[in-house]
Amino acid sequence: MINKKTAGFDLPHLHQDDKLRRVLDSALKNKLGNPSDVQMAPLSSYWNAAYFGLDKVKIFQEATVEEQTEILDCSACGLLEEAYFIEKAGVGYMAKMVSLAESSEERMLYALFSADEVTHLIQISRFLPNSEMRGTDNAFLRLLEDLAETQDKTVLLFVLQVVLEGWGLTHYRSLAKNCRNVDFSSVLQSFLQDESRHHGTGVTLLDRTNVTKSSQQTIIEVLALFLQMVQVGPQSVVAAIEKVKGDLSRQQKVQIFEQLNTENHSSSRLQLLRSLMRSPNMGTIVEELEVRGVFQPLPAEKCV
């Protein structure tokens, strides 16, 4: 069994009074200054119902105010937790790339990028109701955790830095623009320049890489799995509704996906990902994925 330490999802947190924790806090203070007091607002106030498409969902419209608030709270918490774990994985990934660097400049860049991810992680943690989270059952994060363990640098560069960092840049921009919590919106906005630099470095290094058939095939398999997750629409929103309203029938879920306009929702994301996968020296990756049909969004009845 592989000990999956690169992403570090299950690494424990030290107690607040631990000496090592105090050294970290001091180092972060030098880098970030005194942390501003975060006014902990209800998570349901971060993004409105329209952001998740819930304003079009009948079961949400007919829910009590308390239920609507709880559904929004679950949906927002899911976004924050996913961002937390992505940044946590980023710390380990960038540190790993330090050891795989092929020039002094590349090594220094990745050391700086790892520090970027640390600051992002700390900033996101301040807004989470539970900063001691360990592990996750999110399918995308499990894929990320597995992928981070590979020693194939080409796979890491293309999938994590070119495709997923590019995807993340658009995702953070959308979260920041639509977030109604001014403090958290500002934090997300502050990530964008770093994320753009990480993505751009991946593109530059990939252009200098001789891509083997083996690496190309691994990339195709990994991206096919990821695209299949995008094809099935906003599963997390439906899960949030079910968590609050109780078990839903298959027909109810199909209706919710229809009301969420799942095909358009997925189509725009799949086309963005397709554009990020276009790279001069990556051969026929996009074409081979198209043959598998993974750029086509699924209709509501196939999302359940």
Protein backbone atom coordinates (compact mmCIF):
# COMPACT_ATOMS: atom_id res chain seq x y z
CA MET A 1 0.00 0.00 0.00
CA ILE A 2 1.37 3.43 -1.00
CA ASN A 3 1.79 5.87 1.84
CA LYS A 4 0.21 8.94 0.24
CA LYS A 5 2.12 11.76 1.87
CA THR A 6 2.61 14.19 -1.01
CA ALA A 7 -0.91 15.63 -0.79
CA GLY A 8 -0.77 15.35 3.00
CA PHE A 9 -4.54 15.12 3.44
CA ASP A 10 -4.21 12.96 6.55
CA LEU A 11 -1.23 14.70 8.14
CA PRO A 12 -2.22 15.64 11.70
CA HIS A 13 -2.14 19.19 13.06
CA LEU A 14 0.03 20.01 16.05
CA HIS A 15 -1.52 21.47 19.17
CA GLN A 16 -1.65 25.26 19.24
CA ASP A 17 0.86 25.33 22.16
CA ASP A 18 3.41 23.08 20.43
CA LYS A 19 6.82 24.78 20.04
CA LEU A 20 6.99 23.91 16.34
CA ARG A 21 3.56 25.46 15.82
CA ARG A 22 4.76 28.65 17.51
CA VAL A 23 7.80 28.80 15.19
CA LEU A 24 5.46 28.42 12.20
CA ASP A 25 3.17 31.14 13.50
CA SER A 26 6.15 33.47 13.90
CA ALA A 27 7.37 32.75 10.36
CA LEU A 28 3.89 33.34 8.95
CA LYS A 29 3.63 36.60 10.86
CA ASN A 30 6.83 37.79 9.16
CA LYS A 31 5.42 36.85 5.76
CA LEU A 32 1.76 37.84 6.17
CA GLY A 33 1.89 40.38 8.99
CA ASN A 34 -0.53 40.29 11.89
CA PRO A 35 -3.57 38.26 10.86
CA SER A 36 -6.62 40.48 10.57
CA ASP A 37 -9.56 39.43 12.65
CA VAL A 38 -11.91 37.39 10.48
CA GLN A 39 -15.55 38.11 11.13
CA MET A 40 -17.02 34.62 10.93
CA ALA A 41 -20.21 35.06 8.94
CA PRO A 42 -22.59 32.14 8.27
CA LEU A 43 -21.30 30.17 5.29
CA SER A 44 -24.75 30.43 3.73
CA SER A 45 -24.07 34.14 3.23
CA TYR A 46 -20.91 33.63 1.12
CA TRP A 47 -22.63 32.77 -2.18
CA ASN A 48 -26.31 33.17 -2.97
CA ALA A 49 -28.70 30.55 -4.31
CA ALA A 50 -28.27 31.77 -7.89
CA TYR A 51 -24.53 31.01 -7.81
CA PHE A 52 -25.29 27.31 -7.28
CA GLY A 53 -28.32 27.36 -9.60
CA LEU A 54 -30.57 26.64 -6.63
CA ASP A 55 -32.90 29.53 -7.45
CA LYS A 56 -34.21 27.39 -10.34
CA VAL A 57 -34.70 24.21 -8.27
CA LYS A 58 -38.29 23.62 -7.16
CA ILE A 59 -37.49 21.55 -4.06
CA PHE A 60 -35.23 24.38 -2.86
CA GLN A 61 -37.84 27.04 -3.64
CA GLU A 62 -40.44 25.12 -1.63
CA ALA A 63 -38.11 24.45 1.32
CA THR A 64 -38.40 26.38 4.57
CA VAL A 65 -36.08 29.32 5.11
CA GLU A 66 -34.14 27.23 7.63
CA GLU A 67 -33.73 24.40 5.11
CA GLN A 68 -32.65 26.80 2.37
CA THR A 69 -30.05 28.28 4.69
CA GLU A 70 -28.76 24.82 5.59
CA ILE A 71 -28.52 23.78 1.91
CA LEU A 72 -26.56 26.95 1.11
CA ASP A 73 -24.37 26.33 4.15
CA CYS A 74 -23.57 22.78 2.98
CA SER A 75 -22.85 23.95 -0.57
CA ALA A 76 -20.54 26.76 0.57
CA CYS A 77 -18.76 24.54 3.08
CA GLY A 78 -18.07 22.07 0.28
CA LEU A 79 -16.39 24.79 -1.78
CA LEU A 80 -14.25 25.96 1.13
CA GLU A 81 -13.21 22.46 2.15
CA GLU A 82 -12.28 21.59 -1.44
CA ALA A 83 -10.15 24.76 -1.70
CA TYR A 84 -8.49 23.92 1.64
CA PHE A 85 -7.49 20.43 0.49
CA ILE A 86 -6.35 21.62 -2.95
CA GLU A 87 -4.00 24.15 -1.34
CA LYS A 88 -2.83 21.53 1.16
CA ALA A 89 -1.97 19.22 -1.74
CA GLY A 90 -0.28 22.15 -3.46
CA VAL A 91 2.22 22.55 -0.62
CA GLY A 92 3.35 18.94 -1.03
CA TYR A 93 3.24 18.98 -4.83
CA MET A 94 5.44 22.07 -5.12
CA ALA A 95 7.88 20.64 -2.56
CA LYS A 96 8.05 17.45 -4.64
CA MET A 97 8.79 19.47 -7.76
CA VAL A 98 11.76 21.05 -5.94
CA SER A 99 13.36 17.59 -5.85
CA LEU A 100 12.53 16.97 -9.53
CA ALA A 101 13.91 20.33 -10.73
CA GLU A 102 16.50 20.30 -13.53
CA SER A 103 18.02 23.75 -12.98
CA SER A 104 18.77 26.00 -10.02
CA GLU A 105 16.18 28.50 -11.22
CA GLU A 106 13.48 25.84 -11.50
CA ARG A 107 14.34 24.58 -8.02
CA MET A 108 14.10 28.08 -6.54
CA LEU A 109 10.82 28.78 -8.34
CA TYR A 110 9.16 25.69 -6.92
CA ALA A 111 10.41 26.48 -3.42
CA LEU A 112 8.74 29.89 -3.74
CA PHE A 113 5.59 28.27 -5.15
CA SER A 114 5.40 25.94 -2.15
CA ALA A 115 5.51 29.02 0.12
CA ASP A 116 2.66 30.53 -1.95
CA GLU A 117 0.56 27.45 -1.29
CA VAL A 118 1.31 27.62 2.45
CA THR A 119 0.04 31.20 2.62
CA HIS A 120 -3.08 30.29 0.62
CA LEU A 121 -3.74 27.34 2.94
CA ILE A 122 -3.41 29.47 6.07
CA GLN A 123 -5.64 32.20 4.66
CA ILE A 124 -8.39 29.73 3.67
CA SER A 125 -8.15 27.99 7.07
CA ARG A 126 -9.12 31.19 8.84
CA PHE A 127 -12.55 31.09 7.19
CA LEU A 128 -13.30 27.42 7.82
CA PRO A 129 -15.50 26.48 10.76
CA ASN A 130 -13.27 23.46 11.37
CA SER A 131 -9.57 23.97 10.63
CA GLU A 132 -8.62 20.52 11.92
CA MET A 133 -10.07 18.55 9.01
CA ARG A 134 -8.40 15.31 8.06
CA GLY A 135 -9.06 13.21 4.99
CA THR A 136 -11.85 13.56 2.45
CA ASP A 137 -14.36 11.46 0.52
CA ASN A 138 -14.40 13.84 -2.46
CA ALA A 139 -13.75 11.81 -5.67
CA PHE A 140 -11.79 14.63 -7.33
CA LEU A 141 -9.54 15.04 -4.30
CA ARG A 142 -8.92 11.28 -4.15
CA LEU A 143 -7.81 11.44 -7.80
CA LEU A 144 -5.55 14.39 -6.95
CA GLU A 145 -4.09 12.51 -4.00
CA ASP A 146 -3.26 9.46 -6.14
CA LEU A 147 -1.84 11.55 -8.97
CA ALA A 148 0.49 13.52 -6.68
CA GLU A 149 2.41 10.31 -5.89
CA THR A 150 3.59 9.67 -9.47
CA GLN A 151 7.25 10.22 -10.29
CA ASP A 152 6.48 11.01 -13.94
CA LYS A 153 7.27 14.72 -14.14
CA THR A 154 5.56 15.14 -17.52
CA VAL A 155 2.28 13.82 -16.09
CA LEU A 156 2.57 16.10 -13.08
CA LEU A 157 3.35 19.16 -15.20
CA PHE A 158 0.57 18.67 -17.70
CA VAL A 159 -2.27 17.43 -15.52
CA LEU A 160 -1.63 19.36 -12.31
CA GLN A 161 0.00 22.57 -13.47
CA VAL A 162 -1.23 23.16 -16.99
CA VAL A 163 -4.76 21.74 -16.83
CA LEU A 164 -5.80 21.84 -13.16
CA GLU A 165 -3.98 25.08 -12.23
CA GLY A 166 -5.52 26.68 -15.33
CA TRP A 167 -8.93 25.36 -14.31
CA GLY A 168 -8.32 26.55 -10.73
CA LEU A 169 -7.50 30.06 -11.91
CA THR A 170 -10.92 30.37 -13.56
CA HIS A 171 -12.60 28.72 -10.55
CA TYR A 172 -11.02 31.09 -8.00
CA ARG A 173 -11.83 34.10 -10.18
CA SER A 174 -15.50 33.03 -10.26
CA LEU A 175 -15.59 32.36 -6.51
CA ALA A 176 -14.02 35.75 -5.76
CA LYS A 177 -16.29 37.69 -8.13
CA ASN A 178 -19.49 36.15 -6.76
CA CYS A 179 -18.57 35.87 -3.07
CA ARG A 180 -20.63 38.24 -0.91
CA ASN A 181 -18.19 38.04 2.01
CA VAL A 182 -15.86 40.95 1.27
CA ASP A 183 -12.96 39.58 3.33
CA PHE A 184 -13.00 36.14 1.72
CA SER A 185 -13.51 37.58 -1.76
CA SER A 186 -10.39 39.68 -1.22
CA VAL A 187 -8.40 36.62 -0.10
CA LEU A 188 -9.43 34.65 -3.19
CA GLN A 189 -8.60 37.63 -5.42
CA SER A 190 -5.11 37.75 -3.89
CA PHE A 191 -4.48 34.15 -5.03
CA LEU A 192 -4.93 34.89 -8.73
CA GLN A 193 -1.48 36.27 -9.55
CA ASP A 194 0.21 33.32 -7.81
CA GLU A 195 -2.00 30.78 -9.55
CA SER A 196 -1.35 32.43 -12.92
CA ARG A 197 2.41 32.21 -12.32
CA HIS A 198 2.17 28.53 -11.32
CA HIS A 199 0.14 27.73 -14.43
CA GLY A 200 2.45 29.73 -16.73
CA THR A 201 5.54 27.99 -15.36
CA GLY A 202 3.94 24.62 -16.08
CA VAL A 203 3.26 25.68 -19.69
CA THR A 204 6.87 26.90 -20.11
CA LEU A 205 8.42 23.74 -18.68
CA LEU A 206 6.12 21.48 -20.68
CA ASP A 207 7.20 23.19 -23.91
CA ARG A 208 10.76 22.04 -23.12
CA THR A 209 9.75 18.48 -22.31
CA ASN A 210 10.11 15.45 -24.56
CA VAL A 211 6.80 13.67 -24.03
CA THR A 212 7.00 9.87 -24.16
CA LYS A 213 4.19 7.59 -25.34
CA SER A 214 3.98 6.15 -21.83
CA SER A 215 3.48 9.58 -20.25
CA GLN A 216 0.94 10.51 -22.90
CA GLN A 217 -1.10 7.38 -22.24
CA THR A 218 -1.07 7.95 -18.48
CA ILE A 219 -2.23 11.53 -19.03
CA ILE A 220 -5.11 10.35 -21.21
CA GLU A 221 -6.29 7.84 -18.58
CA VAL A 222 -6.11 10.38 -15.73
CA LEU A 223 -7.85 13.14 -17.67
CA ALA A 224 -10.56 10.76 -18.86
CA LEU A 225 -11.39 10.00 -15.21
CA PHE A 226 -11.43 13.69 -14.34
CA LEU A 227 -13.60 14.65 -17.32
CA GLN A 228 -16.10 11.93 -16.41
CA MET A 229 -16.52 13.66 -13.04
CA VAL A 230 -17.28 16.93 -14.81
CA GLN A 231 -19.67 15.26 -17.27
CA VAL A 232 -22.11 14.26 -14.54
CA GLY A 233 -22.93 17.82 -13.51
CA PRO A 234 -23.12 19.55 -10.11
CA GLN A 235 -23.30 16.43 -7.94
CA SER A 236 -22.30 18.35 -4.80
CA VAL A 237 -25.35 20.63 -5.06
CA VAL A 238 -27.70 17.65 -5.31
CA ALA A 239 -25.87 16.01 -2.38
CA ALA A 240 -26.37 19.17 -0.29
CA ILE A 241 -30.12 19.11 -1.01
CA GLU A 242 -30.32 15.42 -0.11
CA LYS A 243 -28.36 15.95 3.10
CA VAL A 244 -30.93 18.48 4.28
CA LYS A 245 -34.16 17.10 2.76
CA GLY A 246 -33.41 13.41 3.27
CA ASP A 247 -33.21 10.61 0.72
CA LEU A 248 -34.34 11.60 -2.76
CA SER A 249 -35.81 9.24 -5.34
CA ARG A 250 -34.08 8.75 -8.67
CA GLN A 251 -36.82 10.76 -10.39
CA GLN A 252 -36.43 13.62 -7.93
CA LYS A 253 -32.69 13.72 -8.61
CA VAL A 254 -33.26 13.71 -12.37
CA GLN A 255 -35.67 16.64 -11.99
CA ILE A 256 -33.14 18.57 -9.89
CA PHE A 257 -30.41 18.02 -12.49
CA GLU A 258 -32.80 19.20 -15.20
CA GLN A 259 -33.65 22.33 -13.19
CA LEU A 260 -29.93 22.94 -12.61
CA ASN A 261 -29.53 22.90 -16.41
CA THR A 262 -26.83 20.30 -15.97
CA GLU A 263 -25.89 19.91 -19.64
CA ASN A 264 -25.10 23.61 -20.07
CA HIS A 265 -23.39 23.67 -16.66
CA SER A 266 -21.08 20.82 -17.64
CA SER A 267 -20.63 21.86 -21.26
CA SER A 268 -19.03 25.22 -20.43
CA ARG A 269 -16.61 23.54 -18.01
CA LEU A 270 -15.72 20.76 -20.43
CA GLN A 271 -14.97 23.25 -23.21
CA LEU A 272 -12.72 25.26 -20.91
CA LEU A 273 -10.84 22.11 -19.98
CA ARG A 274 -10.57 21.13 -23.63
CA SER A 275 -8.93 24.48 -24.42
CA LEU A 276 -6.44 24.03 -21.56
CA MET A 277 -5.42 20.62 -22.91
CA ARG A 278 -4.34 22.04 -26.28
CA SER A 279 -0.54 22.00 -26.20
CA PRO A 280 1.91 21.95 -29.14
CA ASN A 281 3.94 18.98 -27.93
CA MET A 282 1.15 16.88 -26.39
CA GLY A 283 0.26 15.17 -29.63
CA THR A 284 -3.25 13.80 -29.99
CA ILE A 285 -4.39 13.84 -26.37
CA VAL A 286 -7.47 15.99 -27.06
CA GLU A 287 -8.40 13.94 -30.11
CA GLU A 288 -8.11 10.66 -28.19
CA LEU A 289 -10.25 12.02 -25.38
CA GLU A 290 -12.82 13.20 -27.92
CA VAL A 291 -13.02 9.66 -29.32
CA ARG A 292 -13.91 8.49 -25.80
CA GLY A 293 -16.73 11.03 -25.71
CA VAL A 294 -15.61 12.60 -22.42
CA PHE A 295 -16.04 16.19 -23.63
CA GLN A 296 -19.78 15.64 -24.07
CA PRO A 297 -21.97 16.62 -21.10
CA LEU A 298 -24.43 14.00 -19.93
CA PRO A 299 -28.20 14.53 -19.86
CA ALA A 300 -29.90 14.69 -16.46
CA GLU A 301 -31.09 11.06 -16.50
CA LYS A 302 -27.49 9.84 -16.88
CA CYS A 303 -26.17 11.98 -14.01
CA VAL A 304 -27.95 9.85 -11.39
